[in-house]
Amino acid sequence: MMRKTLLLAALAVLTASIAVAQEPTPRTADGHPDLSGVWWPGSDLRVPPLNPAPAGGSGRAGGPGRGGPPQRRAAFADNYNDAAKAKAATLSHKDDPTLRCQSTSFGTLRVSLYNTGFVGQIIQTPKFIVMLSETNPTFKIVPTDGRPHRDDQPPASRGDSIARWDGDTLVVDTTNFSDSSWMHAEGEVSFHSDALHVVERYRRINKDTMEVEATIEDPKVLTASWAVQKQTLRLAPFDQILALDCSGVESAALMEAASKLNYGKK
């Protein structure tokens, strides 16, 4: 009897856990999935300092302010045309615009919501999706009511975004980038042109999980479009992001360290 009672109790706990894990996607009054919340990869990342590579070596150092992301981000620069490859060969960590508090045009972890960090917040209204990044804070106010791209917005590092619903998937279309930012941070050479075009697809698959896919085109520097690997975002255990400003003071030491990195360049 005792064994049976324990078995039933364990089964009840397991059933409840599965039910919680599979809570359905919340929806707004208009029936669309509610993407609101604070989103991150699911845990904090390592935070080692930026250390120069061994003398004479070609190893990569950790990124500015923290360790590299769980997966390698390369792929955008892998599609550079010959002219872009030649330009990339002249650049290194010290040229990373984020060391001067510039935002990325896409995102360090291949999610534009994160920008240079790995935490972002979405606020959803009937007419707009507001995307806020925590590190080097930026915002995107993305209309979802069918209006076209603005014609009065100057080119910007984060571009100009509009969105539409494709079933339960939010499709975000971003153009009008300046060419002063890189796609990623952390010294990964990833410059782009003002012809950059980013299309992202956000799909909240349940209460705690959202998937993001992206396709990136830049006919001035790429030989082919880049289909970004699907990224999984988790609902964070907190409901508000912080404001982690970039003042330029902390980046001065990073710039000095980056200038000393040796990647076999003459």
Protein backbone atom coordinates (compact mmCIF):
# COMPACT_ATOMS: atom_id res chain seq x y z
CA MET A 1 0.00 0.00 0.00
CA MET A 2 2.84 2.39 0.91
CA ARG A 3 4.62 1.67 -2.37
CA LYS A 4 1.41 2.24 -4.31
CA THR A 5 0.80 5.54 -2.52
CA LEU A 6 4.32 6.75 -3.29
CA LEU A 7 3.95 5.72 -6.92
CA LEU A 8 0.68 7.63 -7.27
CA ALA A 9 2.20 10.68 -5.61
CA ALA A 10 5.19 10.58 -7.95
CA LEU A 11 2.86 10.21 -10.93
CA ALA A 12 0.84 13.20 -9.79
CA VAL A 13 3.99 15.35 -9.46
CA LEU A 14 5.18 14.26 -12.91
CA THR A 15 1.80 15.01 -14.46
CA ALA A 16 1.72 18.44 -12.87
CA SER A 17 5.28 19.17 -14.06
CA ILE A 18 4.40 18.22 -17.63
CA ALA A 19 1.28 20.37 -17.50
CA VAL A 20 3.31 23.37 -16.31
CA ALA A 21 5.99 22.79 -18.95
CA GLN A 22 3.37 22.68 -21.67
CA GLU A 23 1.26 25.65 -20.64
CA PRO A 24 -0.20 27.08 -23.84
CA THR A 25 0.92 30.27 -25.49
CA PRO A 26 -0.88 33.27 -23.93
CA ARG A 27 -2.91 35.36 -26.36
CA THR A 28 -3.98 38.98 -26.53
CA ALA A 29 -7.56 40.19 -26.86
CA ASP A 30 -7.27 40.23 -30.66
CA GLY A 31 -6.31 36.55 -30.70
CA HIS A 32 -2.64 36.91 -31.60
CA PRO A 33 0.05 35.21 -29.52
CA ASP A 34 1.25 37.50 -26.75
CA LEU A 35 5.03 37.82 -27.14
CA SER A 36 5.36 40.07 -24.09
CA GLY A 37 7.96 39.18 -21.50
CA VAL A 38 11.67 39.20 -20.73
CA TRP A 39 13.54 36.72 -22.93
CA TRP A 40 17.03 35.24 -22.64
CA PRO A 41 18.94 32.04 -23.55
CA GLY A 42 17.87 30.37 -20.30
CA SER A 43 20.84 31.11 -18.05
CA ASP A 44 23.65 33.55 -17.42
CA LEU A 45 26.76 33.32 -19.57
CA ARG A 46 30.36 33.11 -18.43
CA VAL A 47 32.02 36.41 -17.56
CA PRO A 48 35.81 36.02 -17.96
CA PRO A 49 37.95 39.05 -18.85
CA LEU A 50 39.14 39.80 -22.35
CA ASN A 51 42.60 38.23 -22.49
CA PRO A 52 45.05 38.53 -25.37
CA ALA A 53 45.82 35.37 -27.32
CA PRO A 54 49.14 33.64 -26.56
CA ALA A 55 52.10 35.36 -28.17
CA GLY A 56 52.54 34.17 -31.72
CA GLY A 57 49.29 32.23 -31.54
CA SER A 58 46.00 32.58 -33.33
CA GLY A 59 43.53 31.55 -30.62
CA ARG A 60 40.48 33.67 -29.96
CA ALA A 61 39.99 35.51 -26.72
CA GLY A 62 36.76 35.81 -24.81
CA GLY A 63 34.48 38.61 -25.92
CA PRO A 64 34.34 42.05 -24.30
CA GLY A 65 32.94 41.76 -20.83
CA ARG A 66 32.00 38.08 -20.93
CA GLY A 67 32.74 34.73 -22.47
CA GLY A 68 31.70 33.85 -25.98
CA PRO A 69 28.18 32.55 -26.62
CA PRO A 70 27.45 28.81 -26.43
CA GLN A 71 27.66 28.44 -30.22
CA ARG A 72 29.91 29.95 -32.87
CA ARG A 73 28.22 32.85 -34.64
CA ALA A 74 30.19 32.80 -37.90
CA ALA A 75 28.26 32.50 -41.14
CA PHE A 76 27.50 36.10 -42.10
CA ALA A 77 31.15 36.84 -42.96
CA ASP A 78 31.49 33.39 -44.53
CA ASN A 79 29.35 34.72 -47.38
CA TYR A 80 31.43 37.84 -48.05
CA ASN A 81 32.26 38.60 -51.67
CA ASP A 82 35.90 39.09 -52.67
CA ALA A 83 35.94 42.83 -52.00
CA ALA A 84 34.40 42.36 -48.56
CA LYS A 85 36.88 39.58 -47.72
CA ALA A 86 39.74 41.89 -48.63
CA LYS A 87 38.33 44.60 -46.36
CA ALA A 88 37.74 42.12 -43.53
CA ALA A 89 41.40 41.07 -43.68
CA THR A 90 42.38 44.61 -42.64
CA LEU A 91 40.14 44.65 -39.55
CA SER A 92 40.39 43.04 -36.11
CA HIS A 93 39.07 43.26 -32.53
CA LYS A 94 40.24 46.86 -32.06
CA ASP A 95 37.93 47.98 -34.88
CA ASP A 96 34.77 46.57 -33.27
CA PRO A 97 32.31 49.51 -33.09
CA THR A 98 30.77 48.15 -29.87
CA LEU A 99 33.99 49.10 -28.06
CA ARG A 100 32.87 52.66 -28.74
CA CYS A 101 29.35 51.99 -27.45
CA GLN A 102 27.88 51.41 -30.90
CA SER A 103 25.01 48.94 -31.08
CA THR A 104 25.07 45.89 -33.29
CA SER A 105 22.82 45.85 -36.33
CA PHE A 106 21.71 42.29 -35.59
CA GLY A 107 22.81 40.70 -32.32
CA THR A 108 25.73 39.05 -30.57
CA LEU A 109 23.75 35.83 -30.01
CA ARG A 110 22.06 35.91 -33.43
CA VAL A 111 18.89 37.47 -32.01
CA SER A 112 18.34 41.16 -32.67
CA LEU A 113 16.26 41.52 -29.49
CA TYR A 114 19.45 40.95 -27.46
CA ASN A 115 21.61 43.53 -29.29
CA THR A 116 25.04 43.43 -27.61
CA GLY A 117 23.80 41.48 -24.59
CA PHE A 118 21.71 38.38 -24.02
CA VAL A 119 18.55 39.71 -22.39
CA GLY A 120 15.69 41.58 -24.05
CA GLN A 121 12.11 42.55 -23.28
CA ILE A 122 9.06 42.66 -25.54
CA ILE A 123 6.01 44.81 -24.82
CA GLN A 124 3.02 44.16 -27.08
CA THR A 125 0.12 46.47 -27.87
CA PRO A 126 -2.62 46.21 -30.51
CA LYS A 127 -0.62 48.41 -32.93
CA PHE A 128 3.01 47.96 -31.92
CA ILE A 129 5.62 45.50 -30.74
CA VAL A 130 8.23 47.26 -28.59
CA MET A 131 11.60 45.50 -28.37
CA LEU A 132 14.01 46.59 -25.64
CA SER A 133 17.60 45.39 -25.25
CA GLU A 134 19.26 45.39 -21.84
CA THR A 135 22.98 45.81 -22.59
CA ASN A 136 23.85 49.10 -24.30
CA PRO A 137 20.08 49.72 -24.19
CA THR A 138 18.24 50.25 -27.44
CA PHE A 139 14.61 50.13 -28.47
CA LYS A 140 12.61 49.21 -31.54
CA ILE A 141 9.02 50.37 -31.94
CA VAL A 142 7.67 47.98 -34.57
CA PRO A 143 4.25 48.73 -36.11
CA THR A 144 2.03 45.69 -36.74
CA ASP A 145 -0.94 47.51 -38.32
CA GLY A 146 0.12 47.23 -41.97
CA ARG A 147 1.85 50.57 -42.42
CA PRO A 148 4.97 50.66 -44.69
CA HIS A 149 8.53 51.52 -43.71
CA ARG A 150 8.96 55.16 -42.72
CA ASP A 151 10.42 57.59 -45.23
CA ASP A 152 11.46 60.15 -42.58
CA GLN A 153 13.75 57.88 -40.53
CA PRO A 154 17.49 58.51 -41.04
CA PRO A 155 19.63 55.37 -41.47
CA ALA A 156 20.33 53.84 -38.05
CA SER A 157 22.43 51.06 -36.57
CA ARG A 158 19.26 49.15 -35.63
CA GLY A 159 17.41 50.00 -38.85
CA ASP A 160 13.70 50.63 -39.32
CA SER A 161 11.30 47.75 -38.65
CA ILE A 162 7.72 46.89 -39.55
CA ALA A 163 5.91 43.63 -38.85
CA ARG A 164 2.98 41.49 -39.87
CA TRP A 165 1.36 38.33 -38.55
CA ASP A 166 1.69 35.14 -40.58
CA GLY A 167 -0.68 32.92 -38.64
CA ASP A 168 0.85 32.72 -35.16
CA THR A 169 4.27 33.91 -36.33
CA LEU A 170 5.35 37.54 -36.15
CA VAL A 171 7.41 38.46 -39.22
CA VAL A 172 9.65 41.48 -38.61
CA ASP A 173 11.13 43.22 -41.67
CA THR A 174 14.05 45.61 -41.04
CA THR A 175 15.76 47.90 -43.55
CA ASN A 176 17.34 51.38 -43.63
CA PHE A 177 20.53 50.49 -41.75
CA SER A 178 23.54 52.74 -41.48
CA ASP A 179 26.81 51.07 -42.44
CA SER A 180 28.66 52.15 -39.27
CA SER A 181 27.81 49.12 -37.12
CA TRP A 182 28.79 45.45 -37.28
CA MET A 183 26.36 42.54 -37.30
CA HIS A 184 27.83 41.12 -34.08
CA ALA A 185 29.95 42.32 -31.18
CA GLU A 186 32.92 40.76 -29.39
CA GLY A 187 35.46 41.47 -32.09
CA GLU A 188 33.96 39.24 -34.74
CA VAL A 189 34.55 41.18 -37.94
CA SER A 190 31.07 41.43 -39.44
CA PHE A 191 30.64 44.78 -41.15
CA HIS A 192 27.78 45.27 -43.58
CA SER A 193 26.52 47.87 -46.05
CA ASP A 194 23.53 50.19 -46.07
CA ALA A 195 21.73 47.62 -48.23
CA LEU A 196 21.35 45.24 -45.27
CA HIS A 197 17.90 43.63 -45.06
CA VAL A 198 16.86 41.45 -42.12
CA VAL A 199 13.67 39.38 -41.89
CA GLU A 200 12.99 37.65 -38.56
CA ARG A 201 10.21 35.25 -37.59
CA TYR A 202 9.19 35.17 -33.90
CA ARG A 203 7.00 32.25 -32.79
CA ARG A 204 6.03 31.66 -29.17
CA ILE A 205 5.46 27.92 -28.99
CA ASN A 206 4.29 27.81 -25.36
CA LYS A 207 4.25 29.97 -22.26
CA ASP A 208 7.98 29.68 -21.59
CA THR A 209 9.53 29.25 -25.03
CA MET A 210 9.91 31.31 -28.18
CA GLU A 211 11.72 30.40 -31.40
CA VAL A 212 13.34 32.95 -33.70
CA GLU A 213 14.52 32.45 -37.26
CA ALA A 214 16.08 35.03 -39.55
CA THR A 215 17.16 35.53 -43.14
CA ILE A 216 19.70 38.23 -43.92
CA GLU A 217 20.54 39.79 -47.26
CA ASP A 218 23.16 42.34 -48.21
CA PRO A 219 23.82 42.37 -51.96
CA LYS A 220 26.72 44.83 -51.61
CA VAL A 221 28.89 42.54 -49.47
CA LEU A 222 27.36 39.05 -49.56
CA THR A 223 27.38 36.49 -52.36
CA ALA A 224 24.26 34.80 -50.93
CA SER A 225 21.67 35.37 -48.23
CA TRP A 226 22.38 34.03 -44.74
CA ALA A 227 19.73 31.79 -43.20
CA VAL A 228 20.36 32.13 -39.47
CA GLN A 229 20.08 28.96 -37.42
CA LYS A 230 16.88 28.82 -35.37
CA GLN A 231 17.39 30.27 -31.89
CA THR A 232 15.42 29.31 -28.79
CA LEU A 233 14.52 32.00 -26.27
CA ARG A 234 13.32 31.26 -22.73
CA LEU A 235 11.01 33.33 -20.58
CA ALA A 236 13.21 34.78 -17.85
CA PRO A 237 12.38 34.40 -14.14
CA PHE A 238 12.14 38.20 -13.83
CA ASP A 239 9.72 40.60 -15.50
CA GLN A 240 11.83 43.71 -16.09
CA ILE A 241 15.22 44.32 -17.69
CA LEU A 242 17.95 46.53 -16.26
CA ALA A 243 19.60 49.48 -17.99
CA LEU A 244 23.23 48.46 -18.54
CA ASP A 245 24.66 51.57 -20.13
CA CYS A 246 27.86 51.74 -22.12
CA SER A 247 29.73 54.86 -21.00
CA GLY A 248 32.94 54.35 -22.96
CA VAL A 249 34.97 54.32 -19.74
CA GLU A 250 34.85 50.57 -19.29
CA SER A 251 35.44 49.99 -22.99
CA ALA A 252 38.74 51.92 -22.96
CA ALA A 253 40.53 49.00 -21.29
CA LEU A 254 38.89 46.59 -23.70
CA MET A 255 40.09 48.65 -26.66
CA GLU A 256 43.62 48.61 -25.30
CA ALA A 257 43.49 44.84 -24.79
CA ALA A 258 41.99 44.32 -28.23
CA SER A 259 44.75 46.37 -29.85
CA LYS A 260 47.32 43.93 -28.38
CA LEU A 261 45.67 40.76 -29.65
CA ASN A 262 47.86 38.82 -32.04
CA TYR A 263 46.08 36.86 -34.74
CA GLY A 264 49.04 36.26 -36.99
CA LYS A 265 48.65 39.61 -38.76
CA LYS A 266 51.81 41.30 -39.90
